Amino acid sequence: MKFALDNWMLIAVMAASGAMLLWPLIQNRLSPVKDVGNAEATLLVNRSDAIFLDVREPKEYTGGHLPNAIHIPLSQIDARAGELAKLTARPVVAYCDSGRRSRAAAAPLGRAGFKDIYSLRGGIFGWKKDGLPVET
């Protein structure tokens, strides 16, 4: 007991650092978005008629995008949700360059009515790295 009282700051730092290490795991479990790799995304498109949603900026999109992707930048999803209204029954696979912005798209996509929301792990960089087709 004396050790705990004498070293309470060290114990607090240890608890805080442990919580920070666990936070990404907890956040992924609570998030409505599921990460998928290239193979799973392709299966979703082929079997479940999923749509690819490119959430990158226009300049990035014109440099190349996934086949048949719909382009709505992350900053515009809320304002342009009406364009997606007829597609909410289908799964959506959001992607960006590396996968960070696509995870952030989960909340606005949920507000737009989507139930099955996926984020492409590795984004378009991972897609290209695997030699998969890209449209320009």
N, C-alpha and C. Protein backbone atom coordinates (compact mmCIF):
# COMPACT_ATOMS: atom_id res chain seq x y z
N MET A 1 0.82 -1.18 0.00
CA MET A 1 0.00 0.00 0.00
C MET A 1 0.87 1.26 0.00
N LYS A 2 1.98 1.21 0.73
CA LYS A 2 2.88 2.35 0.78
C LYS A 2 3.43 2.65 -0.61
N PHE A 3 3.75 1.57 -1.38
CA PHE A 3 4.27 1.76 -2.74
C PHE A 3 3.27 2.54 -3.59
N ALA A 4 1.99 2.17 -3.52
CA ALA A 4 0.97 2.84 -4.31
C ALA A 4 0.84 4.31 -3.91
N LEU A 5 0.89 4.58 -2.65
CA LEU A 5 0.79 5.97 -2.19
C LEU A 5 2.01 6.79 -2.59
N ASP A 6 3.19 6.19 -2.51
CA ASP A 6 4.42 6.89 -2.86
C ASP A 6 4.57 7.09 -4.37
N ASN A 7 3.95 6.22 -5.17
CA ASN A 7 4.14 6.25 -6.62
C ASN A 7 2.82 6.43 -7.37
N TRP A 8 1.90 7.17 -6.82
CA TRP A 8 0.59 7.33 -7.44
C TRP A 8 0.67 7.96 -8.83
N MET A 9 1.66 8.85 -9.05
CA MET A 9 1.79 9.47 -10.37
C MET A 9 2.22 8.44 -11.42
N LEU A 10 3.14 7.58 -11.06
CA LEU A 10 3.57 6.53 -12.00
C LEU A 10 2.42 5.60 -12.33
N ILE A 11 1.63 5.25 -11.35
CA ILE A 11 0.47 4.38 -11.56
C ILE A 11 -0.55 5.07 -12.46
N ALA A 12 -0.77 6.36 -12.25
CA ALA A 12 -1.71 7.13 -13.09
C ALA A 12 -1.22 7.18 -14.53
N VAL A 13 0.07 7.41 -14.74
CA VAL A 13 0.64 7.44 -16.09
C VAL A 13 0.51 6.07 -16.75
N MET A 14 0.76 5.00 -15.99
CA MET A 14 0.63 3.65 -16.53
C MET A 14 -0.81 3.38 -16.94
N ALA A 15 -1.77 3.76 -16.14
CA ALA A 15 -3.18 3.54 -16.46
C ALA A 15 -3.59 4.35 -17.69
N ALA A 16 -3.14 5.59 -17.76
CA ALA A 16 -3.48 6.44 -18.90
C ALA A 16 -2.87 5.90 -20.19
N SER A 17 -1.62 5.46 -20.15
CA SER A 17 -0.99 4.94 -21.36
C SER A 17 -1.64 3.62 -21.79
N GLY A 18 -2.03 2.80 -20.85
CA GLY A 18 -2.75 1.57 -21.18
C GLY A 18 -4.08 1.87 -21.84
N ALA A 19 -4.79 2.87 -21.34
CA ALA A 19 -6.07 3.27 -21.93
C ALA A 19 -5.88 3.79 -23.35
N MET A 20 -4.79 4.55 -23.57
CA MET A 20 -4.52 5.07 -24.92
C MET A 20 -4.20 3.94 -25.90
N LEU A 21 -3.54 2.90 -25.42
CA LEU A 21 -3.24 1.76 -26.28
C LEU A 21 -4.50 0.97 -26.63
N LEU A 22 -5.43 0.90 -25.70
CA LEU A 22 -6.66 0.14 -25.93
C LEU A 22 -7.71 0.92 -26.71
N TRP A 23 -7.64 2.25 -26.70
CA TRP A 23 -8.67 3.07 -27.33
C TRP A 23 -8.93 2.73 -28.80
N PRO A 24 -7.92 2.55 -29.66
CA PRO A 24 -8.22 2.21 -31.06
C PRO A 24 -9.01 0.89 -31.18
N LEU A 25 -8.71 -0.09 -30.35
CA LEU A 25 -9.45 -1.35 -30.40
C LEU A 25 -10.91 -1.15 -30.01
N ILE A 26 -11.13 -0.37 -28.98
CA ILE A 26 -12.49 -0.10 -28.53
C ILE A 26 -13.23 0.72 -29.57
N GLN A 27 -12.59 1.71 -30.11
CA GLN A 27 -13.20 2.58 -31.11
C GLN A 27 -13.62 1.79 -32.35
N ASN A 28 -12.78 0.87 -32.82
CA ASN A 28 -13.12 0.05 -33.99
C ASN A 28 -14.32 -0.83 -33.72
N ARG A 29 -14.45 -1.35 -32.50
CA ARG A 29 -15.59 -2.21 -32.17
C ARG A 29 -16.90 -1.42 -32.11
N LEU A 30 -16.83 -0.17 -31.67
CA LEU A 30 -18.03 0.65 -31.51
C LEU A 30 -18.41 1.38 -32.80
N SER A 31 -17.51 1.47 -33.73
CA SER A 31 -17.74 2.22 -34.96
C SER A 31 -18.71 1.48 -35.88
N PRO A 32 -19.58 2.23 -36.57
CA PRO A 32 -20.50 1.59 -37.51
C PRO A 32 -19.80 1.16 -38.80
N VAL A 33 -18.59 1.63 -39.03
CA VAL A 33 -17.87 1.29 -40.25
C VAL A 33 -16.99 0.06 -40.02
N LYS A 34 -16.95 -0.81 -41.03
CA LYS A 34 -16.11 -2.01 -40.95
C LYS A 34 -15.00 -1.87 -41.99
N ASP A 35 -13.79 -2.21 -41.60
CA ASP A 35 -12.68 -2.18 -42.54
C ASP A 35 -12.72 -3.42 -43.42
N VAL A 36 -12.48 -3.22 -44.72
CA VAL A 36 -12.39 -4.35 -45.65
C VAL A 36 -11.16 -4.18 -46.52
N GLY A 37 -10.58 -5.29 -46.91
CA GLY A 37 -9.46 -5.28 -47.83
C GLY A 37 -9.96 -5.28 -49.26
N ASN A 38 -9.04 -5.31 -50.20
CA ASN A 38 -9.40 -5.26 -51.61
C ASN A 38 -10.26 -6.44 -52.04
N ALA A 39 -9.92 -7.64 -51.59
CA ALA A 39 -10.68 -8.83 -51.98
C ALA A 39 -12.11 -8.76 -51.44
N GLU A 40 -12.25 -8.37 -50.16
CA GLU A 40 -13.59 -8.28 -49.58
C GLU A 40 -14.42 -7.20 -50.26
N ALA A 41 -13.78 -6.07 -50.59
CA ALA A 41 -14.50 -4.99 -51.27
C ALA A 41 -14.98 -5.44 -52.64
N THR A 42 -14.15 -6.17 -53.36
CA THR A 42 -14.54 -6.68 -54.67
C THR A 42 -15.72 -7.65 -54.55
N LEU A 43 -15.67 -8.51 -53.53
CA LEU A 43 -16.80 -9.43 -53.30
C LEU A 43 -18.07 -8.67 -52.96
N LEU A 44 -17.97 -7.63 -52.17
CA LEU A 44 -19.15 -6.82 -51.84
C LEU A 44 -19.77 -6.21 -53.10
N VAL A 45 -18.93 -5.72 -53.99
CA VAL A 45 -19.44 -5.14 -55.24
C VAL A 45 -20.08 -6.21 -56.11
N ASN A 46 -19.42 -7.35 -56.24
CA ASN A 46 -19.92 -8.40 -57.13
C ASN A 46 -21.12 -9.15 -56.58
N ARG A 47 -21.17 -9.38 -55.28
CA ARG A 47 -22.24 -10.20 -54.69
C ARG A 47 -23.39 -9.38 -54.11
N SER A 48 -23.08 -8.19 -53.59
CA SER A 48 -24.10 -7.40 -52.89
C SER A 48 -24.40 -6.07 -53.56
N ASP A 49 -23.86 -5.86 -54.77
CA ASP A 49 -24.10 -4.63 -55.51
C ASP A 49 -23.67 -3.39 -54.71
N ALA A 50 -22.58 -3.52 -53.97
CA ALA A 50 -22.07 -2.39 -53.19
C ALA A 50 -21.58 -1.29 -54.13
N ILE A 51 -21.54 -0.09 -53.61
CA ILE A 51 -21.02 1.04 -54.39
C ILE A 51 -19.70 1.49 -53.78
N PHE A 52 -18.81 1.96 -54.64
CA PHE A 52 -17.58 2.59 -54.20
C PHE A 52 -17.85 4.08 -54.09
N LEU A 53 -17.47 4.67 -52.96
CA LEU A 53 -17.63 6.10 -52.76
C LEU A 53 -16.26 6.70 -52.50
N ASP A 54 -15.81 7.54 -53.43
CA ASP A 54 -14.52 8.21 -53.31
C ASP A 54 -14.74 9.50 -52.54
N VAL A 55 -14.12 9.62 -51.37
CA VAL A 55 -14.30 10.81 -50.52
C VAL A 55 -13.11 11.76 -50.60
N ARG A 56 -12.28 11.60 -51.62
CA ARG A 56 -11.12 12.48 -51.78
C ARG A 56 -11.54 13.79 -52.44
N GLU A 57 -10.63 14.72 -52.47
CA GLU A 57 -10.87 16.01 -53.10
C GLU A 57 -10.86 15.86 -54.63
N PRO A 58 -11.49 16.79 -55.36
CA PRO A 58 -11.60 16.67 -56.82
C PRO A 58 -10.27 16.47 -57.54
N LYS A 59 -9.22 17.17 -57.11
CA LYS A 59 -7.91 17.04 -57.76
C LYS A 59 -7.38 15.61 -57.62
N GLU A 60 -7.61 15.00 -56.47
CA GLU A 60 -7.16 13.62 -56.24
C GLU A 60 -7.97 12.65 -57.10
N TYR A 61 -9.27 12.89 -57.20
CA TYR A 61 -10.16 12.01 -57.97
C TYR A 61 -9.78 11.99 -59.44
N THR A 62 -9.47 13.14 -60.01
CA THR A 62 -9.14 13.19 -61.43
C THR A 62 -7.81 12.49 -61.73
N GLY A 63 -7.00 12.27 -60.71
CA GLY A 63 -5.74 11.56 -60.89
C GLY A 63 -5.92 10.05 -61.00
N GLY A 64 -7.12 9.56 -60.80
CA GLY A 64 -7.42 8.13 -60.89
C GLY A 64 -8.34 7.72 -59.76
N HIS A 65 -9.30 6.84 -60.09
CA HIS A 65 -10.27 6.38 -59.10
C HIS A 65 -10.68 4.95 -59.41
N LEU A 66 -11.33 4.32 -58.45
CA LEU A 66 -11.79 2.95 -58.63
C LEU A 66 -12.90 2.91 -59.68
N PRO A 67 -13.03 1.80 -60.39
CA PRO A 67 -14.05 1.69 -61.43
C PRO A 67 -15.46 1.96 -60.90
N ASN A 68 -16.21 2.79 -61.64
CA ASN A 68 -17.61 3.12 -61.34
C ASN A 68 -17.80 3.79 -59.99
N ALA A 69 -16.78 4.41 -59.45
CA ALA A 69 -16.88 5.07 -58.15
C ALA A 69 -17.72 6.35 -58.25
N ILE A 70 -18.47 6.60 -57.21
CA ILE A 70 -19.18 7.86 -57.06
C ILE A 70 -18.24 8.78 -56.29
N HIS A 71 -18.17 10.03 -56.74
CA HIS A 71 -17.24 10.96 -56.10
C HIS A 71 -18.00 12.03 -55.34
N ILE A 72 -17.86 12.02 -54.03
CA ILE A 72 -18.37 13.10 -53.17
C ILE A 72 -17.30 13.32 -52.10
N PRO A 73 -16.62 14.46 -52.13
CA PRO A 73 -15.60 14.72 -51.11
C PRO A 73 -16.18 14.66 -49.70
N LEU A 74 -15.38 14.23 -48.76
CA LEU A 74 -15.81 14.09 -47.38
C LEU A 74 -16.46 15.37 -46.86
N SER A 75 -15.90 16.50 -47.20
CA SER A 75 -16.43 17.78 -46.71
C SER A 75 -17.80 18.12 -47.28
N GLN A 76 -18.26 17.40 -48.31
CA GLN A 76 -19.53 17.70 -48.96
C GLN A 76 -20.60 16.63 -48.75
N ILE A 77 -20.29 15.55 -48.03
CA ILE A 77 -21.25 14.44 -47.92
C ILE A 77 -22.56 14.89 -47.30
N ASP A 78 -22.53 15.64 -46.22
CA ASP A 78 -23.77 16.09 -45.59
C ASP A 78 -24.60 16.94 -46.56
N ALA A 79 -23.97 17.86 -47.24
CA ALA A 79 -24.68 18.76 -48.15
C ALA A 79 -25.23 18.04 -49.38
N ARG A 80 -24.56 16.98 -49.80
CA ARG A 80 -24.96 16.27 -51.02
C ARG A 80 -25.60 14.92 -50.72
N ALA A 81 -26.10 14.73 -49.50
CA ALA A 81 -26.70 13.45 -49.11
C ALA A 81 -27.87 13.06 -50.00
N GLY A 82 -28.57 14.03 -50.54
CA GLY A 82 -29.69 13.74 -51.44
C GLY A 82 -29.29 12.92 -52.65
N GLU A 83 -28.07 13.11 -53.13
CA GLU A 83 -27.57 12.36 -54.28
C GLU A 83 -27.41 10.87 -53.96
N LEU A 84 -27.27 10.56 -52.67
CA LEU A 84 -27.06 9.18 -52.24
C LEU A 84 -28.34 8.50 -51.76
N ALA A 85 -29.43 9.26 -51.63
CA ALA A 85 -30.67 8.75 -51.01
C ALA A 85 -31.19 7.48 -51.68
N LYS A 86 -31.12 7.40 -52.99
CA LYS A 86 -31.65 6.22 -53.69
C LYS A 86 -30.75 4.99 -53.58
N LEU A 87 -29.57 5.16 -52.99
CA LEU A 87 -28.60 4.07 -52.90
C LEU A 87 -28.45 3.49 -51.49
N THR A 88 -29.21 3.98 -50.52
CA THR A 88 -28.99 3.61 -49.12
C THR A 88 -29.27 2.14 -48.81
N ALA A 89 -30.00 1.44 -49.65
CA ALA A 89 -30.25 0.02 -49.41
C ALA A 89 -29.04 -0.84 -49.78
N ARG A 90 -28.10 -0.27 -50.51
CA ARG A 90 -26.90 -1.00 -50.93
C ARG A 90 -25.75 -0.74 -49.96
N PRO A 91 -24.84 -1.70 -49.82
CA PRO A 91 -23.64 -1.44 -49.03
C PRO A 91 -22.79 -0.37 -49.72
N VAL A 92 -22.06 0.40 -48.94
CA VAL A 92 -21.18 1.42 -49.49
C VAL A 92 -19.76 1.16 -48.97
N VAL A 93 -18.80 1.20 -49.90
CA VAL A 93 -17.39 1.06 -49.56
C VAL A 93 -16.73 2.41 -49.83
N ALA A 94 -16.48 3.16 -48.77
CA ALA A 94 -15.84 4.47 -48.90
C ALA A 94 -14.33 4.28 -48.97
N TYR A 95 -13.69 5.13 -49.75
CA TYR A 95 -12.22 5.07 -49.81
C TYR A 95 -11.65 6.45 -50.05
N CYS A 96 -10.38 6.59 -49.67
CA CYS A 96 -9.62 7.82 -49.90
C CYS A 96 -8.22 7.37 -50.34
N ASP A 97 -7.21 8.14 -50.02
CA ASP A 97 -5.85 7.73 -50.38
C ASP A 97 -5.35 6.56 -49.54
N SER A 98 -5.51 6.68 -48.22
CA SER A 98 -4.92 5.67 -47.35
C SER A 98 -5.91 4.98 -46.42
N GLY A 99 -7.12 5.50 -46.26
CA GLY A 99 -8.12 4.87 -45.40
C GLY A 99 -8.54 5.70 -44.21
N ARG A 100 -7.93 6.84 -43.98
CA ARG A 100 -8.28 7.65 -42.81
C ARG A 100 -9.53 8.48 -43.03
N ARG A 101 -9.61 9.17 -44.15
CA ARG A 101 -10.80 9.99 -44.43
C ARG A 101 -12.02 9.12 -44.65
N SER A 102 -11.81 7.94 -45.22
CA SER A 102 -12.97 7.06 -45.48
C SER A 102 -13.60 6.59 -44.17
N ARG A 103 -12.81 6.38 -43.14
CA ARG A 103 -13.38 6.02 -41.83
C ARG A 103 -14.18 7.18 -41.26
N ALA A 104 -13.72 8.40 -41.50
CA ALA A 104 -14.43 9.58 -41.02
C ALA A 104 -15.75 9.79 -41.75
N ALA A 105 -15.92 9.16 -42.89
CA ALA A 105 -17.17 9.29 -43.66
C ALA A 105 -18.31 8.48 -43.05
N ALA A 106 -18.04 7.62 -42.10
CA ALA A 106 -19.06 6.75 -41.53
C ALA A 106 -20.22 7.53 -40.92
N ALA A 107 -19.92 8.55 -40.14
CA ALA A 107 -20.99 9.31 -39.47
C ALA A 107 -21.91 9.99 -40.48
N PRO A 108 -21.38 10.76 -41.45
CA PRO A 108 -22.30 11.37 -42.41
C PRO A 108 -23.04 10.34 -43.28
N LEU A 109 -22.40 9.23 -43.59
CA LEU A 109 -23.09 8.19 -44.37
C LEU A 109 -24.23 7.57 -43.56
N GLY A 110 -23.99 7.37 -42.27
CA GLY A 110 -25.05 6.87 -41.40
C GLY A 110 -26.22 7.84 -41.33
N ARG A 111 -25.92 9.13 -41.25
CA ARG A 111 -26.99 10.15 -41.25
C ARG A 111 -27.74 10.17 -42.57
N ALA A 112 -27.04 9.81 -43.65
CA ALA A 112 -27.67 9.78 -44.98
C ALA A 112 -28.56 8.55 -45.15
N GLY A 113 -28.49 7.59 -44.21
CA GLY A 113 -29.37 6.42 -44.26
C GLY A 113 -28.71 5.10 -44.57
N PHE A 114 -27.40 5.09 -44.77
CA PHE A 114 -26.70 3.84 -45.04
C PHE A 114 -26.59 2.99 -43.78
N LYS A 115 -26.79 1.69 -43.92
CA LYS A 115 -26.66 0.76 -42.80
C LYS A 115 -25.37 -0.06 -42.89
N ASP A 116 -25.01 -0.47 -44.10
CA ASP A 116 -23.79 -1.26 -44.33
C ASP A 116 -22.69 -0.35 -44.87
N ILE A 117 -21.82 0.10 -43.96
CA ILE A 117 -20.77 1.05 -44.31
C ILE A 117 -19.42 0.39 -44.12
N TYR A 118 -18.60 0.46 -45.16
CA TYR A 118 -17.27 -0.15 -45.12
C TYR A 118 -16.23 0.90 -45.50
N SER A 119 -15.02 0.71 -45.01
CA SER A 119 -13.88 1.55 -45.36
C SER A 119 -12.83 0.66 -46.01
N LEU A 120 -12.34 1.07 -47.16
CA LEU A 120 -11.33 0.29 -47.88
C LEU A 120 -9.98 0.46 -47.19
N ARG A 121 -9.52 -0.61 -46.58
CA ARG A 121 -8.24 -0.61 -45.87
C ARG A 121 -7.11 -0.33 -46.86
N GLY A 122 -6.31 0.68 -46.56
CA GLY A 122 -5.19 1.02 -47.44
C GLY A 122 -5.57 2.00 -48.54
N GLY A 123 -6.86 2.27 -48.70
CA GLY A 123 -7.33 3.23 -49.70
C GLY A 123 -6.90 2.88 -51.11
N ILE A 124 -6.89 3.90 -51.95
CA ILE A 124 -6.53 3.67 -53.36
C ILE A 124 -5.05 3.31 -53.51
N PHE A 125 -4.21 3.75 -52.55
CA PHE A 125 -2.80 3.35 -52.62
C PHE A 125 -2.67 1.84 -52.52
N GLY A 126 -3.39 1.23 -51.58
CA GLY A 126 -3.38 -0.23 -51.43
C GLY A 126 -3.97 -0.93 -52.64
N TRP A 127 -5.01 -0.34 -53.20
CA TRP A 127 -5.67 -0.89 -54.39
C TRP A 127 -4.67 -0.93 -55.56
N LYS A 128 -3.99 0.19 -55.78
CA LYS A 128 -3.01 0.26 -56.88
C LYS A 128 -1.83 -0.68 -56.61
N LYS A 129 -1.41 -0.75 -55.34
CA LYS A 129 -0.27 -1.60 -54.98
C LYS A 129 -0.55 -3.07 -55.35
N ASP A 130 -1.82 -3.48 -55.22
CA ASP A 130 -2.19 -4.85 -55.56
C ASP A 130 -2.44 -5.03 -57.06
N GLY A 131 -2.22 -3.98 -57.84
CA GLY A 131 -2.35 -4.08 -59.29
C GLY A 131 -3.78 -4.13 -59.78
N LEU A 132 -4.72 -3.62 -59.01
CA LEU A 132 -6.13 -3.64 -59.38
C LEU A 132 -6.45 -2.45 -60.28
N PRO A 133 -7.52 -2.55 -61.09
CA PRO A 133 -7.79 -1.50 -62.10
C PRO A 133 -8.20 -0.16 -61.50
N VAL A 134 -7.75 0.89 -62.19
CA VAL A 134 -8.06 2.26 -61.82
C VAL A 134 -8.49 2.99 -63.09
N GLU A 135 -9.55 3.78 -62.98
CA GLU A 135 -10.01 4.59 -64.11
C GLU A 135 -9.46 6.02 -63.96
N THR A 136 -9.24 6.66 -65.11
CA THR A 136 -8.82 8.07 -65.09
C THR A 136 -9.81 8.93 -65.81
